[in-house]
Amino acid sequence: MSTPTLFVSLGSLVVGLSSLPANAGLVASYEIGIGANTASIQIDQEDGDAYLFNVHWSGGSYTSWQAMLDADAALEGLSLQYDTYSWGVFLTGVTIDGDTDFGFGDLWPIENYWHFWLHDTAEWEMASFGATERALFDGARDAWVFGSPIAPQGVPAPGALALTLAWSAVCRGRCRSARRRASPGH
């Protein structure tokens, strides 16, 4: 195997493997609202299905909970169940296109409740405050995970598919070029 062919093969393998966890469980992605700012809110249901909401807004203060309510109002297949208290909101249920998880956290040791996560640093961290207190910013990433204290699963980052397709095109071009140089008579 020639060096260019080896490079193309290894490059294709790296792109292929790096895109595997990025697509784990993503059922649908939705664009909500309009505006210059965008934040992503991910919903991971207990059965492994993940839904991604890219919420757009303009202007000042906008909380993660406001984004959830906007998504609920905008999408016919989305339904939120929650209780409101003086300290904030307790999310009890999410239904997306018939896929439902509901719980109050009352079945210990079973974690039948929603965990709220933030991705403001290099990794996901469980929030130490609620979504009503979470001020979103352009590029913010939040998630809700039902029934597990495990961090949200990987979903495609913006542009991941475009990068994979571009790399595949580069690899195909290099592979054709390598075959022409290696063919008899050259």
N, C-alpha and C. Protein backbone atom coordinates (compact mmCIF):
# COMPACT_ATOMS: atom_id res chain seq x y z
N MET A 1 0.86 -1.17 0.00
CA MET A 1 0.00 0.00 0.00
C MET A 1 0.90 1.23 0.00
N SER A 2 0.67 2.14 -0.93
CA SER A 2 1.51 3.34 -1.02
C SER A 2 1.19 4.31 0.10
N THR A 3 2.09 5.25 0.32
CA THR A 3 1.91 6.22 1.41
C THR A 3 0.65 7.05 1.22
N PRO A 4 0.35 7.60 0.00
CA PRO A 4 -0.89 8.38 -0.14
C PRO A 4 -2.14 7.56 0.13
N THR A 5 -2.14 6.30 -0.34
CA THR A 5 -3.30 5.45 -0.10
C THR A 5 -3.46 5.16 1.38
N LEU A 6 -2.34 4.92 2.07
CA LEU A 6 -2.38 4.69 3.51
C LEU A 6 -2.92 5.93 4.22
N PHE A 7 -2.46 7.13 3.81
CA PHE A 7 -2.94 8.37 4.41
C PHE A 7 -4.45 8.50 4.24
N VAL A 8 -4.92 8.25 3.01
CA VAL A 8 -6.35 8.36 2.73
C VAL A 8 -7.13 7.35 3.56
N SER A 9 -6.64 6.12 3.64
CA SER A 9 -7.34 5.09 4.40
C SER A 9 -7.40 5.44 5.87
N LEU A 10 -6.28 5.88 6.45
CA LEU A 10 -6.27 6.26 7.86
C LEU A 10 -7.14 7.48 8.10
N GLY A 11 -7.08 8.45 7.19
CA GLY A 11 -7.91 9.65 7.32
C GLY A 11 -9.39 9.31 7.28
N SER A 12 -9.78 8.43 6.38
CA SER A 12 -11.18 8.00 6.30
C SER A 12 -11.61 7.28 7.56
N LEU A 13 -10.70 6.44 8.11
CA LEU A 13 -11.01 5.73 9.34
C LEU A 13 -11.21 6.70 10.50
N VAL A 14 -10.33 7.70 10.60
CA VAL A 14 -10.45 8.68 11.68
C VAL A 14 -11.75 9.46 11.56
N VAL A 15 -12.08 9.93 10.35
CA VAL A 15 -13.33 10.67 10.16
C VAL A 15 -14.52 9.77 10.47
N GLY A 16 -14.48 8.54 9.99
CA GLY A 16 -15.59 7.62 10.25
C GLY A 16 -15.78 7.34 11.72
N LEU A 17 -14.69 7.05 12.43
CA LEU A 17 -14.80 6.76 13.85
C LEU A 17 -15.18 7.98 14.66
N SER A 18 -14.68 9.15 14.28
CA SER A 18 -15.02 10.35 15.05
C SER A 18 -16.46 10.75 14.89
N SER A 19 -17.10 10.33 13.80
CA SER A 19 -18.50 10.69 13.62
C SER A 19 -19.44 9.69 14.29
N LEU A 20 -18.95 8.53 14.69
CA LEU A 20 -19.82 7.55 15.33
C LEU A 20 -20.46 8.05 16.62
N PRO A 21 -19.69 8.50 17.62
CA PRO A 21 -20.35 8.94 18.83
C PRO A 21 -21.15 10.22 18.63
N ALA A 22 -20.79 11.00 17.61
CA ALA A 22 -21.50 12.24 17.36
C ALA A 22 -22.94 11.99 16.92
N ASN A 23 -23.24 10.81 16.41
CA ASN A 23 -24.59 10.53 15.92
C ASN A 23 -25.36 9.58 16.82
N ALA A 24 -24.83 9.22 17.96
CA ALA A 24 -25.47 8.23 18.83
C ALA A 24 -26.80 8.73 19.35
N GLY A 25 -27.87 8.09 18.93
CA GLY A 25 -29.18 8.34 19.50
C GLY A 25 -29.90 9.59 19.04
N LEU A 26 -29.32 10.42 18.17
CA LEU A 26 -30.01 11.63 17.74
C LEU A 26 -31.18 11.27 16.85
N VAL A 27 -32.38 11.58 17.32
CA VAL A 27 -33.59 11.28 16.57
C VAL A 27 -33.97 12.46 15.68
N ALA A 28 -33.90 13.68 16.22
CA ALA A 28 -34.30 14.86 15.45
C ALA A 28 -33.63 16.11 16.01
N SER A 29 -33.49 17.09 15.13
CA SER A 29 -32.95 18.39 15.50
C SER A 29 -33.94 19.44 15.02
N TYR A 30 -34.18 20.46 15.85
CA TYR A 30 -35.18 21.48 15.55
C TYR A 30 -34.58 22.87 15.65
N GLU A 31 -35.02 23.78 14.80
CA GLU A 31 -34.66 25.19 14.87
C GLU A 31 -35.87 25.93 15.42
N ILE A 32 -35.66 26.69 16.49
CA ILE A 32 -36.74 27.39 17.18
C ILE A 32 -36.42 28.88 17.22
N GLY A 33 -37.37 29.71 16.84
CA GLY A 33 -37.23 31.16 16.97
C GLY A 33 -36.35 31.78 15.92
N ILE A 34 -36.15 33.09 16.07
CA ILE A 34 -35.28 33.85 15.17
C ILE A 34 -34.43 34.79 16.02
N GLY A 35 -33.29 35.17 15.49
CA GLY A 35 -32.43 36.11 16.19
C GLY A 35 -30.97 35.81 15.97
N ALA A 36 -30.14 36.74 16.44
CA ALA A 36 -28.69 36.64 16.24
C ALA A 36 -28.02 35.65 17.17
N ASN A 37 -28.64 35.34 18.31
CA ASN A 37 -28.06 34.41 19.29
C ASN A 37 -28.64 33.02 19.12
N THR A 38 -27.81 32.01 19.36
CA THR A 38 -28.26 30.61 19.29
C THR A 38 -27.70 29.83 20.47
N ALA A 39 -28.55 29.08 21.12
CA ALA A 39 -28.14 28.14 22.17
C ALA A 39 -28.76 26.79 21.83
N SER A 40 -28.09 25.73 22.25
CA SER A 40 -28.59 24.38 22.01
C SER A 40 -29.07 23.78 23.32
N ILE A 41 -30.25 23.16 23.26
CA ILE A 41 -30.78 22.43 24.40
C ILE A 41 -31.06 21.02 23.93
N GLN A 42 -30.45 20.08 24.60
CA GLN A 42 -30.55 18.66 24.24
C GLN A 42 -31.44 17.96 25.25
N ILE A 43 -32.30 17.08 24.75
CA ILE A 43 -33.15 16.25 25.59
C ILE A 43 -32.73 14.80 25.37
N ASP A 44 -32.22 14.13 26.41
CA ASP A 44 -31.86 12.71 26.34
C ASP A 44 -32.89 11.91 27.12
N GLN A 45 -33.65 11.09 26.42
CA GLN A 45 -34.65 10.30 27.09
C GLN A 45 -34.06 8.96 27.54
N GLU A 46 -34.75 8.32 28.45
CA GLU A 46 -34.23 7.11 29.07
C GLU A 46 -33.97 5.99 28.07
N ASP A 47 -34.73 5.95 26.98
CA ASP A 47 -34.55 4.89 25.98
C ASP A 47 -33.37 5.14 25.05
N GLY A 48 -32.62 6.23 25.27
CA GLY A 48 -31.45 6.53 24.45
C GLY A 48 -31.71 7.52 23.33
N ASP A 49 -32.97 7.89 23.11
CA ASP A 49 -33.28 8.87 22.07
C ASP A 49 -32.84 10.26 22.52
N ALA A 50 -32.23 10.99 21.61
CA ALA A 50 -31.80 12.36 21.88
C ALA A 50 -32.45 13.30 20.89
N TYR A 51 -32.85 14.46 21.38
CA TYR A 51 -33.46 15.50 20.56
C TYR A 51 -32.68 16.79 20.80
N LEU A 52 -32.40 17.53 19.74
CA LEU A 52 -31.61 18.75 19.86
C LEU A 52 -32.45 19.94 19.40
N PHE A 53 -32.53 20.95 20.26
CA PHE A 53 -33.26 22.18 19.96
C PHE A 53 -32.26 23.32 19.86
N ASN A 54 -32.11 23.88 18.67
CA ASN A 54 -31.27 25.06 18.48
C ASN A 54 -32.20 26.26 18.56
N VAL A 55 -32.09 26.98 19.66
CA VAL A 55 -33.02 28.07 19.95
C VAL A 55 -32.34 29.40 19.62
N HIS A 56 -33.03 30.23 18.83
CA HIS A 56 -32.51 31.52 18.38
C HIS A 56 -33.30 32.64 19.06
N TRP A 57 -32.60 33.72 19.45
CA TRP A 57 -33.25 34.88 20.04
C TRP A 57 -32.38 36.11 19.85
N SER A 58 -32.98 37.25 20.04
CA SER A 58 -32.25 38.52 20.00
C SER A 58 -32.53 39.25 21.29
N GLY A 59 -31.70 40.21 21.58
CA GLY A 59 -31.96 41.04 22.74
C GLY A 59 -31.23 40.57 23.97
N GLY A 60 -31.78 40.98 25.09
CA GLY A 60 -31.12 40.79 26.38
C GLY A 60 -31.32 39.44 27.01
N SER A 61 -31.64 39.48 28.28
CA SER A 61 -31.73 38.30 29.13
C SER A 61 -32.72 37.26 28.58
N TYR A 62 -32.26 36.01 28.54
CA TYR A 62 -33.08 34.89 28.05
C TYR A 62 -32.62 33.65 28.80
N THR A 63 -33.52 32.99 29.49
CA THR A 63 -33.13 31.84 30.30
C THR A 63 -33.34 30.52 29.56
N SER A 64 -32.69 29.50 30.08
CA SER A 64 -32.85 28.17 29.51
C SER A 64 -34.32 27.71 29.61
N TRP A 65 -34.97 28.08 30.70
CA TRP A 65 -36.37 27.69 30.86
C TRP A 65 -37.26 28.43 29.86
N GLN A 66 -36.98 29.71 29.60
CA GLN A 66 -37.74 30.43 28.57
C GLN A 66 -37.57 29.75 27.21
N ALA A 67 -36.36 29.28 26.93
CA ALA A 67 -36.10 28.58 25.67
C ALA A 67 -36.92 27.29 25.60
N MET A 68 -36.99 26.57 26.72
CA MET A 68 -37.80 25.34 26.76
C MET A 68 -39.28 25.66 26.50
N LEU A 69 -39.78 26.72 27.11
CA LEU A 69 -41.19 27.11 26.90
C LEU A 69 -41.43 27.55 25.46
N ASP A 70 -40.47 28.24 24.86
CA ASP A 70 -40.60 28.63 23.46
C ASP A 70 -40.63 27.40 22.55
N ALA A 71 -39.79 26.42 22.84
CA ALA A 71 -39.79 25.17 22.07
C ALA A 71 -41.13 24.46 22.23
N ASP A 72 -41.64 24.42 23.46
CA ASP A 72 -42.93 23.78 23.73
C ASP A 72 -44.05 24.45 22.94
N ALA A 73 -44.03 25.78 22.87
CA ALA A 73 -45.06 26.52 22.14
C ALA A 73 -44.93 26.35 20.63
N ALA A 74 -43.70 26.20 20.14
CA ALA A 74 -43.45 26.15 18.70
C ALA A 74 -43.67 24.78 18.07
N LEU A 75 -43.50 23.72 18.84
CA LEU A 75 -43.55 22.37 18.26
C LEU A 75 -44.79 21.61 18.72
N GLU A 76 -45.58 21.20 17.77
CA GLU A 76 -46.81 20.47 18.08
C GLU A 76 -46.55 19.15 18.79
N GLY A 77 -45.46 18.47 18.47
CA GLY A 77 -45.17 17.16 19.06
C GLY A 77 -44.46 17.20 20.40
N LEU A 78 -44.18 18.41 20.91
CA LEU A 78 -43.47 18.55 22.18
C LEU A 78 -44.45 18.97 23.27
N SER A 79 -44.34 18.32 24.42
CA SER A 79 -45.17 18.68 25.57
C SER A 79 -44.32 18.59 26.83
N LEU A 80 -44.34 19.66 27.63
CA LEU A 80 -43.61 19.69 28.90
C LEU A 80 -44.60 19.60 30.05
N GLN A 81 -44.27 18.81 31.06
CA GLN A 81 -45.02 18.78 32.30
C GLN A 81 -44.07 19.25 33.39
N TYR A 82 -44.55 20.18 34.23
CA TYR A 82 -43.68 20.73 35.26
C TYR A 82 -44.51 21.33 36.37
N ASP A 83 -43.87 21.49 37.51
CA ASP A 83 -44.47 22.15 38.67
C ASP A 83 -43.67 23.41 38.94
N THR A 84 -44.37 24.48 39.30
CA THR A 84 -43.71 25.76 39.59
C THR A 84 -43.74 26.01 41.09
N TYR A 85 -42.59 26.36 41.62
CA TYR A 85 -42.43 26.64 43.04
C TYR A 85 -41.81 28.03 43.21
N SER A 86 -41.72 28.50 44.45
CA SER A 86 -41.12 29.80 44.71
C SER A 86 -39.65 29.82 44.31
N TRP A 87 -38.98 28.68 44.35
CA TRP A 87 -37.57 28.60 44.02
C TRP A 87 -37.31 28.32 42.54
N GLY A 88 -38.34 28.04 41.77
CA GLY A 88 -38.16 27.77 40.35
C GLY A 88 -39.09 26.69 39.85
N VAL A 89 -38.68 26.03 38.80
CA VAL A 89 -39.50 25.04 38.11
C VAL A 89 -38.89 23.66 38.28
N PHE A 90 -39.75 22.65 38.50
CA PHE A 90 -39.33 21.26 38.58
C PHE A 90 -39.93 20.53 37.37
N LEU A 91 -39.09 20.17 36.40
CA LEU A 91 -39.53 19.47 35.20
C LEU A 91 -39.87 18.03 35.57
N THR A 92 -41.09 17.61 35.29
CA THR A 92 -41.50 16.24 35.63
C THR A 92 -41.67 15.36 34.40
N GLY A 93 -41.99 15.95 33.25
CA GLY A 93 -42.21 15.12 32.08
C GLY A 93 -41.92 15.83 30.78
N VAL A 94 -41.44 15.05 29.82
CA VAL A 94 -41.23 15.54 28.46
C VAL A 94 -41.76 14.48 27.51
N THR A 95 -42.58 14.92 26.58
CA THR A 95 -43.05 14.06 25.50
C THR A 95 -42.64 14.70 24.19
N ILE A 96 -41.97 13.93 23.34
CA ILE A 96 -41.59 14.40 22.02
C ILE A 96 -42.05 13.34 21.02
N ASP A 97 -43.02 13.72 20.20
CA ASP A 97 -43.57 12.81 19.19
C ASP A 97 -43.92 11.44 19.77
N GLY A 98 -44.57 11.42 20.91
CA GLY A 98 -45.02 10.19 21.55
C GLY A 98 -43.98 9.51 22.43
N ASP A 99 -42.76 9.99 22.44
CA ASP A 99 -41.68 9.44 23.27
C ASP A 99 -41.72 10.20 24.60
N THR A 100 -42.14 9.51 25.68
CA THR A 100 -42.39 10.19 26.96
C THR A 100 -41.54 9.63 28.09
N ASP A 101 -41.03 10.54 28.92
CA ASP A 101 -40.43 10.19 30.21
C ASP A 101 -41.04 11.11 31.25
N PHE A 102 -41.45 10.53 32.37
CA PHE A 102 -42.14 11.28 33.41
C PHE A 102 -41.73 10.74 34.78
N GLY A 103 -41.48 11.62 35.72
CA GLY A 103 -41.16 11.17 37.07
C GLY A 103 -40.97 12.32 38.02
N PHE A 104 -41.11 11.99 39.31
CA PHE A 104 -40.97 12.98 40.38
C PHE A 104 -39.72 12.76 41.23
N GLY A 105 -38.96 11.71 40.93
CA GLY A 105 -37.82 11.39 41.79
C GLY A 105 -38.25 10.69 43.06
N ASP A 106 -39.39 10.02 43.01
CA ASP A 106 -39.97 9.41 44.21
C ASP A 106 -39.79 7.89 44.28
N LEU A 107 -38.96 7.32 43.43
CA LEU A 107 -38.78 5.86 43.41
C LEU A 107 -37.36 5.45 43.77
N TRP A 108 -36.72 6.18 44.66
CA TRP A 108 -35.35 5.89 45.03
C TRP A 108 -35.16 4.42 45.33
N PRO A 109 -34.13 3.78 44.82
CA PRO A 109 -32.93 4.29 44.18
C PRO A 109 -33.05 4.52 42.67
N ILE A 110 -34.24 4.33 42.11
CA ILE A 110 -34.42 4.60 40.68
C ILE A 110 -34.48 6.11 40.49
N GLU A 111 -33.68 6.61 39.57
CA GLU A 111 -33.61 8.06 39.35
C GLU A 111 -34.65 8.48 38.32
N ASN A 112 -35.91 8.45 38.70
CA ASN A 112 -36.97 8.80 37.76
C ASN A 112 -37.25 10.30 37.80
N TYR A 113 -36.25 11.07 37.40
CA TYR A 113 -36.41 12.52 37.30
C TYR A 113 -35.42 13.05 36.26
N TRP A 114 -35.62 14.31 35.90
CA TRP A 114 -34.79 14.97 34.90
C TRP A 114 -33.59 15.64 35.55
N HIS A 115 -32.40 15.38 35.02
CA HIS A 115 -31.15 16.02 35.46
C HIS A 115 -30.83 17.15 34.48
N PHE A 116 -30.47 18.31 34.99
CA PHE A 116 -30.15 19.48 34.17
C PHE A 116 -28.63 19.62 34.07
N TRP A 117 -28.12 19.73 32.85
CA TRP A 117 -26.68 19.77 32.58
C TRP A 117 -26.29 21.03 31.82
N LEU A 118 -25.04 21.48 32.02
CA LEU A 118 -24.48 22.63 31.32
C LEU A 118 -23.17 22.23 30.66
N HIS A 119 -22.90 22.83 29.52
CA HIS A 119 -21.63 22.59 28.83
C HIS A 119 -20.96 23.93 28.57
N ASP A 120 -20.49 24.57 29.64
CA ASP A 120 -19.84 25.88 29.53
C ASP A 120 -18.33 25.76 29.46
N THR A 121 -17.80 24.61 29.80
CA THR A 121 -16.36 24.38 29.77
C THR A 121 -16.08 23.27 28.76
N ALA A 122 -15.01 22.56 28.93
CA ALA A 122 -14.63 21.50 27.99
C ALA A 122 -15.49 20.25 28.11
N GLU A 123 -16.29 20.14 29.18
CA GLU A 123 -17.10 18.94 29.36
C GLU A 123 -18.43 19.29 30.01
N TRP A 124 -19.35 18.34 29.96
CA TRP A 124 -20.66 18.52 30.59
C TRP A 124 -20.50 18.51 32.11
N GLU A 125 -21.27 19.38 32.77
CA GLU A 125 -21.33 19.41 34.23
C GLU A 125 -22.78 19.50 34.67
N MET A 126 -23.14 18.73 35.70
CA MET A 126 -24.50 18.82 36.21
C MET A 126 -24.69 20.20 36.84
N ALA A 127 -25.81 20.84 36.53
CA ALA A 127 -26.06 22.19 37.02
C ALA A 127 -26.28 22.20 38.53
N SER A 128 -25.80 23.26 39.15
CA SER A 128 -26.02 23.43 40.59
C SER A 128 -27.15 24.42 40.85
N PHE A 129 -27.86 24.77 39.80
CA PHE A 129 -29.01 25.67 39.90
C PHE A 129 -29.99 25.28 38.80
N GLY A 130 -31.16 25.87 38.81
CA GLY A 130 -32.20 25.48 37.88
C GLY A 130 -32.22 26.24 36.57
N ALA A 131 -33.01 25.75 35.64
CA ALA A 131 -33.11 26.34 34.31
C ALA A 131 -33.71 27.74 34.33
N THR A 132 -34.52 28.06 35.35
CA THR A 132 -35.08 29.41 35.44
C THR A 132 -34.01 30.44 35.80
N GLU A 133 -32.90 29.98 36.37
CA GLU A 133 -31.80 30.86 36.74
C GLU A 133 -30.68 30.87 35.71
N ARG A 134 -30.76 29.98 34.75
CA ARG A 134 -29.69 29.83 33.75
C ARG A 134 -29.85 30.88 32.65
N ALA A 135 -28.99 31.90 32.65
CA ALA A 135 -28.99 32.91 31.60
C ALA A 135 -28.24 32.35 30.39
N LEU A 136 -28.93 32.23 29.28
CA LEU A 136 -28.28 31.71 28.07
C LEU A 136 -27.43 32.79 27.43
N PHE A 137 -26.45 32.37 26.67
CA PHE A 137 -25.60 33.26 25.89
C PHE A 137 -25.41 32.60 24.53
N ASP A 138 -24.98 33.38 23.57
CA ASP A 138 -24.76 32.85 22.22
C ASP A 138 -23.74 31.71 22.29
N GLY A 139 -24.13 30.53 21.85
CA GLY A 139 -23.25 29.35 21.88
C GLY A 139 -23.43 28.46 23.09
N ALA A 140 -24.33 28.82 24.01
CA ALA A 140 -24.56 28.00 25.21
C ALA A 140 -25.09 26.63 24.81
N ARG A 141 -24.76 25.62 25.64
CA ARG A 141 -25.26 24.25 25.45
C ARG A 141 -25.78 23.74 26.77
N ASP A 142 -27.06 23.40 26.81
CA ASP A 142 -27.69 22.83 28.00
C ASP A 142 -28.30 21.49 27.62
N ALA A 143 -28.59 20.67 28.62
CA ALA A 143 -29.22 19.38 28.34
C ALA A 143 -30.06 18.93 29.53
N TRP A 144 -31.05 18.12 29.23
CA TRP A 144 -31.88 17.44 30.22
C TRP A 144 -31.74 15.94 29.97
N VAL A 145 -31.40 15.19 31.01
CA VAL A 145 -31.22 13.74 30.90
C VAL A 145 -32.17 13.08 31.90
N PHE A 146 -32.97 12.13 31.42
CA PHE A 146 -33.92 11.46 32.32
C PHE A 146 -33.37 10.13 32.80
N GLY A 147 -33.52 9.90 34.11
CA GLY A 147 -33.27 8.59 34.69
C GLY A 147 -31.84 8.17 34.86
N SER A 148 -30.90 9.10 34.70
CA SER A 148 -29.49 8.72 34.81
C SER A 148 -28.65 9.94 35.18
N PRO A 149 -27.66 9.72 36.06
CA PRO A 149 -26.74 10.81 36.39
C PRO A 149 -25.57 10.91 35.39
N ILE A 150 -25.62 10.13 34.32
CA ILE A 150 -24.56 10.12 33.32
C ILE A 150 -24.72 11.34 32.41
N ALA A 151 -23.60 11.93 32.03
CA ALA A 151 -23.59 13.13 31.18
C ALA A 151 -24.34 12.87 29.87
N PRO A 152 -24.87 13.92 29.27
CA PRO A 152 -25.58 13.78 27.99
C PRO A 152 -24.70 13.12 26.93
N GLN A 153 -25.36 12.39 26.05
CA GLN A 153 -24.63 11.73 24.98
C GLN A 153 -24.18 12.74 23.93
N GLY A 154 -23.19 12.35 23.15
CA GLY A 154 -22.69 13.21 22.09
C GLY A 154 -23.68 13.29 20.95
N VAL A 155 -23.92 14.48 20.48
CA VAL A 155 -24.74 14.69 19.28
C VAL A 155 -23.92 15.55 18.34
N PRO A 156 -24.28 15.60 17.07
CA PRO A 156 -23.46 16.35 16.12
C PRO A 156 -23.29 17.81 16.53
N ALA A 157 -22.06 18.23 16.54
CA ALA A 157 -21.78 19.66 16.74
C ALA A 157 -22.11 20.37 15.44
N PRO A 158 -22.44 21.65 15.50
CA PRO A 158 -22.73 22.37 14.25
C PRO A 158 -21.56 22.25 13.29
N GLY A 159 -21.84 21.86 12.07
CA GLY A 159 -20.80 21.73 11.06
C GLY A 159 -20.12 20.38 11.02
N ALA A 160 -20.46 19.45 11.91
CA ALA A 160 -19.78 18.14 11.93
C ALA A 160 -20.03 17.37 10.65
N LEU A 161 -21.26 17.38 10.14
CA LEU A 161 -21.58 16.67 8.91
C LEU A 161 -20.84 17.30 7.73
N ALA A 162 -20.81 18.62 7.68
CA ALA A 162 -20.11 19.31 6.59
C ALA A 162 -18.63 18.96 6.61
N LEU A 163 -18.02 18.92 7.77
CA LEU A 163 -16.60 18.56 7.88
C LEU A 163 -16.37 17.14 7.40
N THR A 164 -17.23 16.22 7.80
CA THR A 164 -17.10 14.82 7.38
C THR A 164 -17.20 14.70 5.86
N LEU A 165 -18.17 15.39 5.25
CA LEU A 165 -18.33 15.33 3.80
C LEU A 165 -17.14 15.96 3.08
N ALA A 166 -16.64 17.08 3.59
CA ALA A 166 -15.48 17.73 2.98
C ALA A 166 -14.26 16.83 3.05
N TRP A 167 -14.04 16.19 4.20
CA TRP A 167 -12.89 15.30 4.36
C TRP A 167 -13.01 14.10 3.42
N SER A 168 -14.23 13.58 3.27
CA SER A 168 -14.44 12.46 2.36
C SER A 168 -14.09 12.85 0.93
N ALA A 169 -14.45 14.07 0.51
CA ALA A 169 -14.14 14.54 -0.84
C ALA A 169 -12.64 14.65 -1.03
N VAL A 170 -11.93 15.17 -0.04
CA VAL A 170 -10.48 15.27 -0.10
C VAL A 170 -9.87 13.87 -0.22
N CYS A 171 -10.36 12.96 0.58
CA CYS A 171 -9.84 11.58 0.56
C CYS A 171 -10.06 10.93 -0.79
N ARG A 172 -11.25 11.10 -1.37
CA ARG A 172 -11.52 10.50 -2.69
C ARG A 172 -10.58 11.07 -3.74
N GLY A 173 -10.35 12.38 -3.71
CA GLY A 173 -9.45 13.01 -4.67
C GLY A 173 -8.03 12.50 -4.53
N ARG A 174 -7.54 12.36 -3.32
CA ARG A 174 -6.18 11.85 -3.09
C ARG A 174 -6.09 10.39 -3.52
N CYS A 175 -7.14 9.63 -3.28
CA CYS A 175 -7.12 8.21 -3.63
C CYS A 175 -7.05 8.05 -5.15
N ARG A 176 -7.84 8.83 -5.92
CA ARG A 176 -7.79 8.76 -7.38
C ARG A 176 -6.41 9.16 -7.88
N SER A 177 -5.84 10.21 -7.30
CA SER A 177 -4.51 10.69 -7.68
C SER A 177 -3.46 9.61 -7.42
N ALA A 178 -3.54 8.94 -6.30
CA ALA A 178 -2.59 7.89 -5.93
C ALA A 178 -2.72 6.71 -6.90
N ARG A 179 -3.94 6.36 -7.31
CA ARG A 179 -4.14 5.24 -8.24
C ARG A 179 -3.55 5.57 -9.60
N ARG A 180 -3.69 6.83 -10.05
CA ARG A 180 -3.14 7.19 -11.35
C ARG A 180 -1.62 7.08 -11.35
N ARG A 181 -0.99 7.52 -10.24
CA ARG A 181 0.48 7.45 -10.17
C ARG A 181 0.94 5.98 -10.08
N ALA A 182 0.15 5.12 -9.49
CA ALA A 182 0.57 3.74 -9.28
C ALA A 182 0.22 2.83 -10.45
N SER A 183 -0.53 3.33 -11.45
CA SER A 183 -0.94 2.45 -12.55
C SER A 183 0.24 2.17 -13.48
N PRO A 184 0.23 0.98 -14.13
CA PRO A 184 1.34 0.57 -15.01
C PRO A 184 1.51 1.56 -16.16
N GLY A 185 2.73 1.74 -16.57
CA GLY A 185 3.03 2.60 -17.72
C GLY A 185 3.29 4.04 -17.31
N HIS A 186 3.25 4.37 -16.04
CA HIS A 186 3.52 5.74 -15.62
C HIS A 186 4.83 5.81 -14.90
